[in-house]
Full PDB file with SEQRES, HELIX, SHEET, SSBOND, CRYST1, ORIGX, SCALE, CONECT and MASTER records, all heavy atoms in Angstrom:
SEQRES   1 A   41  ARG LYS LEU VAL GLU SER GLY VAL ARG PHE VAL GLN ILE          
SEQRES   2 A   41  TYR ALA ALA GLY TRP ASP SER HIS ASP PHE LEU GLU ARG          
SEQRES   3 A   41  SER HIS LYS ALA ARG MET GLN ALA VAL ASP GLN PRO ILE          
SEQRES   4 A   41  ALA ALA                                                      
HELIX    1 AA1 LYS A    2  GLU A    5  1                                   4    
HELIX    2 AA2 LEU A   24  ALA A   40  1                                  17    
CRYST1    1.000    1.000    1.000  90.00  90.00  90.00 P 1           1          
ORIGX1      1.000000  0.000000  0.000000        0.00000                         
ORIGX2      0.000000  1.000000  0.000000        0.00000                         
ORIGX3      0.000000  0.000000  1.000000        0.00000                         
SCALE1      1.000000  0.000000  0.000000        0.00000                         
SCALE2      0.000000  1.000000  0.000000        0.00000                         
SCALE3      0.000000  0.000000  1.000000        0.00000                         
ATOM      1  N   ARG A   1      86.719 109.147  94.688  1.00  0.00           N  
ATOM      2  CA  ARG A   1      86.730 110.626  94.696  1.00  0.00           C  
ATOM      3  C   ARG A   1      87.206 111.180  93.372  1.00  0.00           C  
ATOM      4  O   ARG A   1      86.612 112.116  92.810  1.00  0.00           O  
ATOM      5  CB  ARG A   1      87.617 111.121  95.834  1.00  0.00           C  
ATOM      6  CG  ARG A   1      87.574 112.638  96.041  1.00  0.00           C  
ATOM      7  CD  ARG A   1      88.608 113.383  95.190  1.00  0.00           C  
ATOM      8  NE  ARG A   1      89.944 113.165  95.690  1.00  0.00           N  
ATOM      9  CZ  ARG A   1      91.055 113.487  95.019  1.00  0.00           C  
ATOM     10  NH1 ARG A   1      90.977 113.978  93.780  1.00  0.00           N  
ATOM     11  NH2 ARG A   1      92.236 113.256  95.527  1.00  0.00           N  
ATOM     12  N   LYS A   2      88.256 110.589  92.812  1.00  0.00           N  
ATOM     13  CA  LYS A   2      88.784 111.072  91.537  1.00  0.00           C  
ATOM     14  C   LYS A   2      87.773 110.844  90.411  1.00  0.00           C  
ATOM     15  O   LYS A   2      87.675 111.664  89.487  1.00  0.00           O  
ATOM     16  CB  LYS A   2      90.109 110.374  91.217  1.00  0.00           C  
ATOM     17  CG  LYS A   2      91.214 110.655  92.236  1.00  0.00           C  
ATOM     18  CD  LYS A   2      92.561 110.097  91.798  1.00  0.00           C  
ATOM     19  CE  LYS A   2      93.144 110.899  90.654  1.00  0.00           C  
ATOM     20  NZ  LYS A   2      94.531 110.530  90.348  1.00  0.00           N  
ATOM     21  N   LEU A   3      87.029 109.766  90.479  1.00  0.00           N  
ATOM     22  CA  LEU A   3      86.055 109.463  89.432  1.00  0.00           C  
ATOM     23  C   LEU A   3      84.888 110.444  89.448  1.00  0.00           C  
ATOM     24  O   LEU A   3      84.496 110.973  88.398  1.00  0.00           O  
ATOM     25  CB  LEU A   3      85.551 108.031  89.582  1.00  0.00           C  
ATOM     26  CG  LEU A   3      86.564 106.942  89.219  1.00  0.00           C  
ATOM     27  CD1 LEU A   3      86.065 105.568  89.670  1.00  0.00           C  
ATOM     28  CD2 LEU A   3      86.870 106.925  87.722  1.00  0.00           C  
ATOM     29  N   VAL A   4      84.300 110.700  90.628  1.00  0.00           N  
ATOM     30  CA  VAL A   4      83.182 111.642  90.669  1.00  0.00           C  
ATOM     31  C   VAL A   4      83.666 113.056  90.363  1.00  0.00           C  
ATOM     32  O   VAL A   4      82.938 113.860  89.768  1.00  0.00           O  
ATOM     33  CB  VAL A   4      82.429 111.599  92.019  1.00  0.00           C  
ATOM     34  CG1 VAL A   4      81.817 110.227  92.254  1.00  0.00           C  
ATOM     35  CG2 VAL A   4      83.321 111.998  93.176  1.00  0.00           C  
ATOM     36  N   GLU A   5      84.898 113.351  90.754  1.00  0.00           N  
ATOM     37  CA  GLU A   5      85.474 114.658  90.437  1.00  0.00           C  
ATOM     38  C   GLU A   5      85.622 114.823  88.928  1.00  0.00           C  
ATOM     39  O   GLU A   5      85.559 115.938  88.403  1.00  0.00           O  
ATOM     40  CB  GLU A   5      86.835 114.800  91.122  1.00  0.00           C  
ATOM     41  CG  GLU A   5      87.434 116.190  91.097  1.00  0.00           C  
ATOM     42  CD  GLU A   5      88.716 116.270  91.910  1.00  0.00           C  
ATOM     43  OE1 GLU A   5      89.452 115.277  91.964  1.00  0.00           O  
ATOM     44  OE2 GLU A   5      88.982 117.345  92.495  1.00  0.00           O  
ATOM     45  N   SER A   6      85.785 113.701  88.221  1.00  0.00           N  
ATOM     46  CA  SER A   6      85.954 113.727  86.770  1.00  0.00           C  
ATOM     47  C   SER A   6      84.628 113.582  86.025  1.00  0.00           C  
ATOM     48  O   SER A   6      84.634 113.475  84.797  1.00  0.00           O  
ATOM     49  CB  SER A   6      86.913 112.604  86.346  1.00  0.00           C  
ATOM     50  OG  SER A   6      88.183 112.763  86.949  1.00  0.00           O  
ATOM     51  N   GLY A   7      83.512 113.548  86.753  1.00  0.00           N  
ATOM     52  CA  GLY A   7      82.219 113.543  86.088  1.00  0.00           C  
ATOM     53  C   GLY A   7      81.507 112.217  86.018  1.00  0.00           C  
ATOM     54  O   GLY A   7      80.471 112.108  85.357  1.00  0.00           O  
ATOM     55  N   VAL A   8      82.033 111.154  86.677  1.00  0.00           N  
ATOM     56  CA  VAL A   8      81.338 109.871  86.702  1.00  0.00           C  
ATOM     57  C   VAL A   8      80.097 110.002  87.580  1.00  0.00           C  
ATOM     58  O   VAL A   8      80.140 110.580  88.662  1.00  0.00           O  
ATOM     59  CB  VAL A   8      82.262 108.748  87.225  1.00  0.00           C  
ATOM     60  CG1 VAL A   8      81.489 107.454  87.403  1.00  0.00           C  
ATOM     61  CG2 VAL A   8      83.426 108.550  86.271  1.00  0.00           C  
ATOM     62  N   ARG A   9      78.998 109.451  87.118  1.00  0.00           N  
ATOM     63  CA  ARG A   9      77.715 109.656  87.802  1.00  0.00           C  
ATOM     64  C   ARG A   9      77.567 108.802  89.055  1.00  0.00           C  
ATOM     65  O   ARG A   9      77.078 109.273  90.090  1.00  0.00           O  
ATOM     66  CB  ARG A   9      76.570 109.315  86.838  1.00  0.00           C  
ATOM     67  CG  ARG A   9      75.181 109.527  87.404  1.00  0.00           C  
ATOM     68  CD  ARG A   9      74.853 110.988  87.577  1.00  0.00           C  
ATOM     69  NE  ARG A   9      74.755 111.663  86.284  1.00  0.00           N  
ATOM     70  CZ  ARG A   9      74.617 112.976  86.151  1.00  0.00           C  
ATOM     71  NH1 ARG A   9      74.571 113.751  87.223  1.00  0.00           N  
ATOM     72  NH2 ARG A   9      74.526 113.528  84.940  1.00  0.00           N  
ATOM     73  N   PHE A  10      77.954 107.512  88.996  1.00  0.00           N  
ATOM     74  CA  PHE A  10      77.665 106.585  90.096  1.00  0.00           C  
ATOM     75  C   PHE A  10      78.850 105.649  90.284  1.00  0.00           C  
ATOM     76  O   PHE A  10      79.286 104.982  89.350  1.00  0.00           O  
ATOM     77  CB  PHE A  10      76.409 105.772  89.769  1.00  0.00           C  
ATOM     78  CG  PHE A  10      75.772 105.092  90.953  1.00  0.00           C  
ATOM     79  CD1 PHE A  10      74.701 105.674  91.613  1.00  0.00           C  
ATOM     80  CD2 PHE A  10      76.231 103.863  91.403  1.00  0.00           C  
ATOM     81  CE1 PHE A  10      74.099 105.043  92.703  1.00  0.00           C  
ATOM     82  CE2 PHE A  10      75.648 103.231  92.485  1.00  0.00           C  
ATOM     83  CZ  PHE A  10      74.571 103.816  93.142  1.00  0.00           C  
ATOM     84  N   VAL A  11      79.381 105.615  91.505  1.00  0.00           N  
ATOM     85  CA  VAL A  11      80.496 104.733  91.847  1.00  0.00           C  
ATOM     86  C   VAL A  11      80.075 103.882  93.032  1.00  0.00           C  
ATOM     87  O   VAL A  11      79.574 104.391  94.038  1.00  0.00           O  
ATOM     88  CB  VAL A  11      81.769 105.530  92.210  1.00  0.00           C  
ATOM     89  CG1 VAL A  11      82.910 104.569  92.550  1.00  0.00           C  
ATOM     90  CG2 VAL A  11      82.170 106.460  91.078  1.00  0.00           C  
ATOM     91  N   GLN A  12      80.280 102.578  92.926  1.00  0.00           N  
ATOM     92  CA  GLN A  12      79.945 101.677  94.025  1.00  0.00           C  
ATOM     93  C   GLN A  12      81.188 100.926  94.476  1.00  0.00           C  
ATOM     94  O   GLN A  12      81.927 100.381  93.655  1.00  0.00           O  
ATOM     95  CB  GLN A  12      78.854 100.686  93.611  1.00  0.00           C  
ATOM     96  CG  GLN A  12      78.323  99.858  94.781  1.00  0.00           C  
ATOM     97  CD  GLN A  12      77.118  99.019  94.411  1.00  0.00           C  
ATOM     98  OE1 GLN A  12      77.060  98.462  93.323  1.00  0.00           O  
ATOM     99  NE2 GLN A  12      76.151  98.927  95.300  1.00  0.00           N  
ATOM    100  N   ILE A  13      81.418 100.907  95.798  1.00  0.00           N  
ATOM    101  CA  ILE A  13      82.571 100.231  96.391  1.00  0.00           C  
ATOM    102  C   ILE A  13      82.075  99.110  97.300  1.00  0.00           C  
ATOM    103  O   ILE A  13      81.165  99.315  98.111  1.00  0.00           O  
ATOM    104  CB  ILE A  13      83.439 101.204  97.208  1.00  0.00           C  
ATOM    105  CG1 ILE A  13      83.802 102.441  96.386  1.00  0.00           C  
ATOM    106  CG2 ILE A  13      84.711 100.510  97.681  1.00  0.00           C  
ATOM    107  CD1 ILE A  13      84.589 103.484  97.161  1.00  0.00           C  
ATOM    108  N   TYR A  14      82.686  97.948  97.176  1.00  0.00           N  
ATOM    109  CA  TYR A  14      82.303  96.796  97.996  1.00  0.00           C  
ATOM    110  C   TYR A  14      83.361  96.508  99.053  1.00  0.00           C  
ATOM    111  O   TYR A  14      84.566  96.603  98.787  1.00  0.00           O  
ATOM    112  CB  TYR A  14      82.106  95.551  97.132  1.00  0.00           C  
ATOM    113  CG  TYR A  14      80.792  95.533  96.394  1.00  0.00           C  
ATOM    114  CD1 TYR A  14      80.640  96.213  95.190  1.00  0.00           C  
ATOM    115  CD2 TYR A  14      79.697  94.846  96.908  1.00  0.00           C  
ATOM    116  CE1 TYR A  14      79.422  96.214  94.516  1.00  0.00           C  
ATOM    117  CE2 TYR A  14      78.480  94.834  96.247  1.00  0.00           C  
ATOM    118  CZ  TYR A  14      78.350  95.522  95.052  1.00  0.00           C  
ATOM    119  OH  TYR A  14      77.148  95.518  94.390  1.00  0.00           O  
ATOM    120  N   ALA A  15      82.898  96.142 100.248  1.00  0.00           N  
ATOM    121  CA  ALA A  15      83.778  95.678 101.322  1.00  0.00           C  
ATOM    122  C   ALA A  15      83.076  94.521 102.021  1.00  0.00           C  
ATOM    123  O   ALA A  15      82.043  94.718 102.672  1.00  0.00           O  
ATOM    124  CB  ALA A  15      84.079  96.796 102.307  1.00  0.00           C  
ATOM    125  N   ALA A  16      83.588  93.320 101.877  1.00  0.00           N  
ATOM    126  CA  ALA A  16      82.943  92.125 102.418  1.00  0.00           C  
ATOM    127  C   ALA A  16      83.499  91.784 103.804  1.00  0.00           C  
ATOM    128  O   ALA A  16      84.325  92.504 104.359  1.00  0.00           O  
ATOM    129  CB  ALA A  16      83.139  90.953 101.456  1.00  0.00           C  
ATOM    130  N   GLY A  17      83.035  90.657 104.351  1.00  0.00           N  
ATOM    131  CA  GLY A  17      83.569  90.156 105.609  1.00  0.00           C  
ATOM    132  C   GLY A  17      82.768  90.504 106.843  1.00  0.00           C  
ATOM    133  O   GLY A  17      83.220  90.289 107.966  1.00  0.00           O  
ATOM    134  N   TRP A  18      81.534  91.018 106.670  1.00  0.00           N  
ATOM    135  CA  TRP A  18      80.734  91.446 107.817  1.00  0.00           C  
ATOM    136  C   TRP A  18      79.814  90.344 108.342  1.00  0.00           C  
ATOM    137  O   TRP A  18      79.035  90.572 109.271  1.00  0.00           O  
ATOM    138  CB  TRP A  18      79.891  92.653 107.425  1.00  0.00           C  
ATOM    139  CG  TRP A  18      80.688  93.890 107.104  1.00  0.00           C  
ATOM    140  CD1 TRP A  18      81.175  94.247 105.881  1.00  0.00           C  
ATOM    141  CD2 TRP A  18      81.105  94.905 108.014  1.00  0.00           C  
ATOM    142  NE1 TRP A  18      81.862  95.438 105.972  1.00  0.00           N  
ATOM    143  CE2 TRP A  18      81.841  95.870 107.277  1.00  0.00           C  
ATOM    144  CE3 TRP A  18      80.922  95.107 109.389  1.00  0.00           C  
ATOM    145  CZ2 TRP A  18      82.394  97.007 107.856  1.00  0.00           C  
ATOM    146  CZ3 TRP A  18      81.474  96.244 109.969  1.00  0.00           C  
ATOM    147  CH2 TRP A  18      82.195  97.177 109.210  1.00  0.00           C  
ATOM    148  N   ASP A  19      79.879  89.148 107.798  1.00  0.00           N  
ATOM    149  CA  ASP A  19      78.965  88.061 108.177  1.00  0.00           C  
ATOM    150  C   ASP A  19      79.485  87.336 109.419  1.00  0.00           C  
ATOM    151  O   ASP A  19      80.057  86.256 109.334  1.00  0.00           O  
ATOM    152  CB  ASP A  19      78.810  87.098 106.999  1.00  0.00           C  
ATOM    153  CG  ASP A  19      77.693  86.099 107.202  1.00  0.00           C  
ATOM    154  OD1 ASP A  19      76.789  86.389 108.014  1.00  0.00           O  
ATOM    155  OD2 ASP A  19      77.707  85.047 106.543  1.00  0.00           O  
ATOM    156  N   SER A  20      79.235  87.924 110.578  1.00  0.00           N  
ATOM    157  CA  SER A  20      79.881  87.479 111.815  1.00  0.00           C  
ATOM    158  C   SER A  20      78.959  86.619 112.675  1.00  0.00           C  
ATOM    159  O   SER A  20      78.401  87.066 113.680  1.00  0.00           O  
ATOM    160  CB  SER A  20      80.370  88.694 112.621  1.00  0.00           C  
ATOM    161  OG  SER A  20      81.274  89.457 111.863  1.00  0.00           O  
ATOM    162  N   HIS A  21      78.813  85.359 112.301  1.00  0.00           N  
ATOM    163  CA  HIS A  21      78.061  84.411 113.132  1.00  0.00           C  
ATOM    164  C   HIS A  21      78.896  83.968 114.334  1.00  0.00           C  
ATOM    165  O   HIS A  21      78.348  83.587 115.376  1.00  0.00           O  
ATOM    166  CB  HIS A  21      77.670  83.185 112.315  1.00  0.00           C  
ATOM    167  CG  HIS A  21      76.673  83.471 111.240  1.00  0.00           C  
ATOM    168  ND1 HIS A  21      75.324  83.558 111.474  1.00  0.00           N  
ATOM    169  CD2 HIS A  21      76.841  83.713 109.911  1.00  0.00           C  
ATOM    170  CE1 HIS A  21      74.687  83.822 110.344  1.00  0.00           C  
ATOM    171  NE2 HIS A  21      75.582  83.916 109.375  1.00  0.00           N  
ATOM    172  N   ASP A  22      80.205  83.983 114.163  1.00  0.00           N  
ATOM    173  CA  ASP A  22      81.139  83.622 115.238  1.00  0.00           C  
ATOM    174  C   ASP A  22      82.220  84.706 115.325  1.00  0.00           C  
ATOM    175  O   ASP A  22      82.433  85.470 114.384  1.00  0.00           O  
ATOM    176  CB  ASP A  22      81.811  82.282 114.947  1.00  0.00           C  
ATOM    177  CG  ASP A  22      80.807  81.155 114.750  1.00  0.00           C  
ATOM    178  OD1 ASP A  22      80.332  80.630 115.759  1.00  0.00           O  
ATOM    179  OD2 ASP A  22      80.514  80.823 113.583  1.00  0.00           O  
ATOM    180  N   PHE A  23      82.906  84.739 116.457  1.00  0.00           N  
ATOM    181  CA  PHE A  23      84.065  85.622 116.609  1.00  0.00           C  
ATOM    182  C   PHE A  23      83.733  87.067 116.228  1.00  0.00           C  
ATOM    183  O   PHE A  23      84.459  87.734 115.503  1.00  0.00           O  
ATOM    184  CB  PHE A  23      85.239  85.104 115.773  1.00  0.00           C  
ATOM    185  CG  PHE A  23      85.526  83.649 115.972  1.00  0.00           C  
ATOM    186  CD1 PHE A  23      85.270  82.728 114.968  1.00  0.00           C  
ATOM    187  CD2 PHE A  23      86.016  83.189 117.186  1.00  0.00           C  
ATOM    188  CE1 PHE A  23      85.514  81.382 115.162  1.00  0.00           C  
ATOM    189  CE2 PHE A  23      86.271  81.842 117.392  1.00  0.00           C  
ATOM    190  CZ  PHE A  23      86.009  80.927 116.379  1.00  0.00           C  
ATOM    191  N   LEU A  24      82.589  87.531 116.726  1.00  0.00           N  
ATOM    192  CA  LEU A  24      82.103  88.874 116.415  1.00  0.00           C  
ATOM    193  C   LEU A  24      83.127  89.951 116.753  1.00  0.00           C  
ATOM    194  O   LEU A  24      83.376  90.860 115.948  1.00  0.00           O  
ATOM    195  CB  LEU A  24      80.798  89.124 117.181  1.00  0.00           C  
ATOM    196  CG  LEU A  24      80.227  90.544 117.119  1.00  0.00           C  
ATOM    197  CD1 LEU A  24      79.735  90.844 115.719  1.00  0.00           C  
ATOM    198  CD2 LEU A  24      79.084  90.694 118.128  1.00  0.00           C  
ATOM    199  N   GLU A  25      83.720  89.848 117.933  1.00  0.00           N  
ATOM    200  CA  GLU A  25      84.656  90.890 118.371  1.00  0.00           C  
ATOM    201  C   GLU A  25      85.830  91.006 117.416  1.00  0.00           C  
ATOM    202  O   GLU A  25      86.204  92.098 116.997  1.00  0.00           O  
ATOM    203  CB  GLU A  25      85.148  90.595 119.784  1.00  0.00           C  
ATOM    204  CG  GLU A  25      86.109  91.654 120.314  1.00  0.00           C  
ATOM    205  CD  GLU A  25      86.470  91.439 121.765  1.00  0.00           C  
ATOM    206  OE1 GLU A  25      86.149  90.361 122.315  1.00  0.00           O  
ATOM    207  OE2 GLU A  25      87.086  92.341 122.366  1.00  0.00           O  
ATOM    208  N   ARG A  26      86.406  89.885 117.033  1.00  0.00           N  
ATOM    209  CA  ARG A  26      87.572  89.903 116.155  1.00  0.00           C  
ATOM    210  C   ARG A  26      87.218  90.348 114.736  1.00  0.00           C  
ATOM    211  O   ARG A  26      87.895  91.213 114.155  1.00  0.00           O  
ATOM    212  CB  ARG A  26      88.213  88.519 116.124  1.00  0.00           C  
ATOM    213  CG  ARG A  26      89.490  88.448 115.294  1.00  0.00           C  
ATOM    214  CD  ARG A  26      90.094  87.054 115.371  1.00  0.00           C  
ATOM    215  NE  ARG A  26      89.261  86.063 114.691  1.00  0.00           N  
ATOM    216  CZ  ARG A  26      89.446  84.749 114.767  1.00  0.00           C  
ATOM    217  NH1 ARG A  26      90.426  84.265 115.539  1.00  0.00           N  
ATOM    218  NH2 ARG A  26      88.670  83.906 114.113  1.00  0.00           N  
ATOM    219  N   SER A  27      86.143  89.768 114.193  1.00  0.00           N  
ATOM    220  CA  SER A  27      85.830  90.033 112.785  1.00  0.00           C  
ATOM    221  C   SER A  27      85.296  91.444 112.570  1.00  0.00           C  
ATOM    222  O   SER A  27      85.709  92.137 111.633  1.00  0.00           O  
ATOM    223  CB  SER A  27      84.837  89.002 112.257  1.00  0.00           C  
ATOM    224  OG  SER A  27      83.637  89.024 113.009  1.00  0.00           O  
ATOM    225  N   HIS A  28      84.383  91.889 113.401  1.00  0.00           N  
ATOM    226  CA  HIS A  28      83.833  93.232 113.216  1.00  0.00           C  
ATOM    227  C   HIS A  28      84.863  94.314 113.527  1.00  0.00           C  
ATOM    228  O   HIS A  28      84.866  95.370 112.887  1.00  0.00           O  
ATOM    229  CB  HIS A  28      82.577  93.412 114.074  1.00  0.00           C  
ATOM    230  CG  HIS A  28      81.298  93.300 113.292  1.00  0.00           C  
ATOM    231  ND1 HIS A  28      81.037  92.252 112.447  1.00  0.00           N  
ATOM    232  CD2 HIS A  28      80.208  94.127 113.199  1.00  0.00           C  
ATOM    233  CE1 HIS A  28      79.846  92.426 111.881  1.00  0.00           C  
ATOM    234  NE2 HIS A  28      79.333  93.550 112.319  1.00  0.00           N  
ATOM    235  N   LYS A  29      85.717  94.045 114.490  1.00  0.00           N  
ATOM    236  CA  LYS A  29      86.787  95.010 114.775  1.00  0.00           C  
ATOM    237  C   LYS A  29      87.679  95.179 113.546  1.00  0.00           C  
ATOM    238  O   LYS A  29      87.999  96.316 113.147  1.00  0.00           O  
ATOM    239  CB  LYS A  29      87.631  94.532 115.962  1.00  0.00           C  
ATOM    240  CG  LYS A  29      88.837  95.410 116.259  1.00  0.00           C  
ATOM    241  CD  LYS A  29      89.656  94.848 117.419  1.00  0.00           C  
ATOM    242  CE  LYS A  29      90.909  95.676 117.665  1.00  0.00           C  
ATOM    243  NZ  LYS A  29      91.728  95.112 118.786  1.00  0.00           N  
ATOM    244  N   ALA A  30      88.056  94.070 112.918  1.00  0.00           N  
ATOM    245  CA  ALA A  30      88.910  94.137 111.732  1.00  0.00           C  
ATOM    246  C   ALA A  30      88.215  94.856 110.585  1.00  0.00           C  
ATOM    247  O   ALA A  30      88.826  95.646 109.866  1.00  0.00           O  
ATOM    248  CB  ALA A  30      89.308  92.728 111.299  1.00  0.00           C  
ATOM    249  N   ARG A  31      86.923  94.598 110.412  1.00  0.00           N  
ATOM    250  CA  ARG A  31      86.175  95.249 109.327  1.00  0.00           C  
ATOM    251  C   ARG A  31      86.072  96.747 109.559  1.00  0.00           C  
ATOM    252  O   ARG A  31      86.250  97.546 108.640  1.00  0.00           O  
ATOM    253  CB  ARG A  31      84.769  94.636 109.224  1.00  0.00           C  
ATOM    254  CG  ARG A  31      84.708  93.230 108.654  1.00  0.00           C  
ATOM    255  CD  ARG A  31      85.147  93.182 107.190  1.00  0.00           C  
ATOM    256  NE  ARG A  31      86.585  93.153 107.047  1.00  0.00           N  
ATOM    257  CZ  ARG A  31      87.245  93.646 106.014  1.00  0.00           C  
ATOM    258  NH1 ARG A  31      86.616  94.238 105.028  1.00  0.00           N  
ATOM    259  NH2 ARG A  31      88.564  93.580 105.953  1.00  0.00           N  
ATOM    260  N   MET A  32      85.766  97.146 110.778  1.00  0.00           N  
ATOM    261  CA  MET A  32      85.660  98.576 111.077  1.00  0.00           C  
ATOM    262  C   MET A  32      86.993  99.278 110.881  1.00  0.00           C  
ATOM    263  O   MET A  32      87.061 100.375 110.317  1.00  0.00           O  
ATOM    264  CB  MET A  32      85.129  98.780 112.497  1.00  0.00           C  
ATOM    265  CG  MET A  32      83.633  98.534 112.617  1.00  0.00           C  
ATOM    266  SD  MET A  32      82.959  98.959 114.239  1.00  0.00           S  
ATOM    267  CE  MET A  32      83.154  97.411 115.109  1.00  0.00           C  
ATOM    268  N   GLN A  33      88.058  98.655 111.333  1.00  0.00           N  
ATOM    269  CA  GLN A  33      89.365  99.289 111.197  1.00  0.00           C  
ATOM    270  C   GLN A  33      89.816  99.368 109.742  1.00  0.00           C  
ATOM    271  O   GLN A  33      90.582 100.253 109.377  1.00  0.00           O  
ATOM    272  CB  GLN A  33      90.387  98.526 112.039  1.00  0.00           C  
ATOM    273  CG  GLN A  33      90.168  98.683 113.534  1.00  0.00           C  
ATOM    274  CD  GLN A  33      91.164  97.900 114.369  1.00  0.00           C  
ATOM    275  OE1 GLN A  33      91.772  96.931 113.901  1.00  0.00           O  
ATOM    276  NE2 GLN A  33      91.334  98.306 115.615  1.00  0.00           N  
ATOM    277  N   ALA A  34      89.318  98.466 108.903  1.00  0.00           N  
ATOM    278  CA  ALA A  34      89.693  98.487 107.486  1.00  0.00           C  
ATOM    279  C   ALA A  34      89.014  99.626 106.722  1.00  0.00           C  
ATOM    280  O   ALA A  34      89.575 100.155 105.759  1.00  0.00           O  
ATOM    281  CB  ALA A  34      89.355  97.148 106.830  1.00  0.00           C  
ATOM    282  N   VAL A  35      87.805 100.004 107.139  1.00  0.00           N  
ATOM    283  CA  VAL A  35      87.056 101.010 106.374  1.00  0.00           C  
ATOM    284  C   VAL A  35      86.991 102.368 107.061  1.00  0.00           C  
ATOM    285  O   VAL A  35      86.680 103.380 106.416  1.00  0.00           O  
ATOM    286  CB  VAL A  35      85.622 100.525 106.083  1.00  0.00           C  
ATOM    287  CG1 VAL A  35      85.646  99.183 105.349  1.00  0.00           C  
ATOM    288  CG2 VAL A  35      84.769 100.432 107.343  1.00  0.00           C  
ATOM    289  N   ASP A  36      87.284 102.422 108.347  1.00  0.00           N  
ATOM    290  CA  ASP A  36      87.113 103.647 109.136  1.00  0.00           C  
ATOM    291  C   ASP A  36      87.915 104.824 108.570  1.00  0.00           C  
ATOM    292  O   ASP A  36      87.353 105.867 108.207  1.00  0.00           O  
ATOM    293  CB  ASP A  36      87.515 103.360 110.589  1.00  0.00           C  
ATOM    294  CG  ASP A  36      87.503 104.608 111.463  1.00  0.00           C  
ATOM    295  OD1 ASP A  36      86.573 105.416 111.313  1.00  0.00           O  
ATOM    296  OD2 ASP A  36      88.428 104.764 112.298  1.00  0.00           O  
ATOM    297  N   GLN A  37      89.209 104.686 108.481  1.00  0.00           N  
ATOM    298  CA  GLN A  37      90.049 105.787 108.018  1.00  0.00           C  
ATOM    299  C   GLN A  37      89.761 106.175 106.563  1.00  0.00           C  
ATOM    300  O   GLN A  37      89.617 107.368 106.262  1.00  0.00           O  
ATOM    301  CB  GLN A  37      91.531 105.431 108.187  1.00  0.00           C  
ATOM    302  CG  GLN A  37      92.476 106.550 107.764  1.00  0.00           C  
ATOM    303  CD  GLN A  37      93.946 106.197 108.005  1.00  0.00           C  
ATOM    304  OE1 GLN A  37      94.251 105.252 108.734  1.00  0.00           O  
ATOM    305  NE2 GLN A  37      94.844 106.934 107.384  1.00  0.00           N  
ATOM    306  N   PRO A  38      89.652 105.217 105.631  1.00  0.00           N  
ATOM    307  CA  PRO A  38      89.365 105.606 104.244  1.00  0.00           C  
ATOM    308  C   PRO A  38      88.034 106.334 104.067  1.00  0.00           C  
ATOM    309  O   PRO A  38      87.953 107.301 103.294  1.00  0.00           O  
ATOM    310  CB  PRO A  38      89.369 104.263 103.509  1.00  0.00           C  
ATOM    311  CG  PRO A  38      90.263 103.381 104.317  1.00  0.00           C  
ATOM    312  CD  PRO A  38      89.982 103.774 105.731  1.00  0.00           C  
ATOM    313  N   ILE A  39      86.986 105.902 104.782  1.00  0.00           N  
ATOM    314  CA  ILE A  39      85.697 106.563 104.623  1.00  0.00           C  
ATOM    315  C   ILE A  39      85.739 107.970 105.191  1.00  0.00           C  
ATOM    316  O   ILE A  39      85.224 108.918 104.576  1.00  0.00           O  
ATOM    317  CB  ILE A  39      84.576 105.741 105.294  1.00  0.00           C  
ATOM    318  CG1 ILE A  39      84.356 104.427 104.537  1.00  0.00           C  
ATOM    319  CG2 ILE A  39      83.275 106.533 105.324  1.00  0.00           C  
ATOM    320  CD1 ILE A  39      83.344 103.500 105.199  1.00  0.00           C  
ATOM    321  N   ALA A  40      86.358 108.133 106.354  1.00  0.00           N  
ATOM    322  CA  ALA A  40      86.495 109.475 106.922  1.00  0.00           C  
ATOM    323  C   ALA A  40      87.302 110.370 105.990  1.00  0.00           C  
ATOM    324  O   ALA A  40      86.960 111.550 105.789  1.00  0.00           O  
ATOM    325  CB  ALA A  40      87.175 109.389 108.293  1.00  0.00           C  
ATOM    326  N   ALA A  41      88.351 109.815 105.394  1.00  0.00           N  
ATOM    327  CA  ALA A  41      89.158 110.584 104.447  1.00  0.00           C  
ATOM    328  C   ALA A  41      88.339 110.990 103.229  1.00  0.00           C  
ATOM    329  O   ALA A  41      88.455 112.120 102.732  1.00  0.00           O  
ATOM    330  CB  ALA A  41      90.374 109.766 104.016  1.00  0.00           C  
TER     331      ALA A  41                                                      
MASTER        0    0    0    2    0    0    0    6  330    1    0    4          
END                                                                             
């Protein structure tokens, strides 16, 4: 947010860990909870 506010054209953010072949409930829950609040903010 601070970068685009300062005039940066393109910002890309990475969040890994979504490759859930096993333990879908645990892994996807953790991934969603990690990004949910920051993205809404």
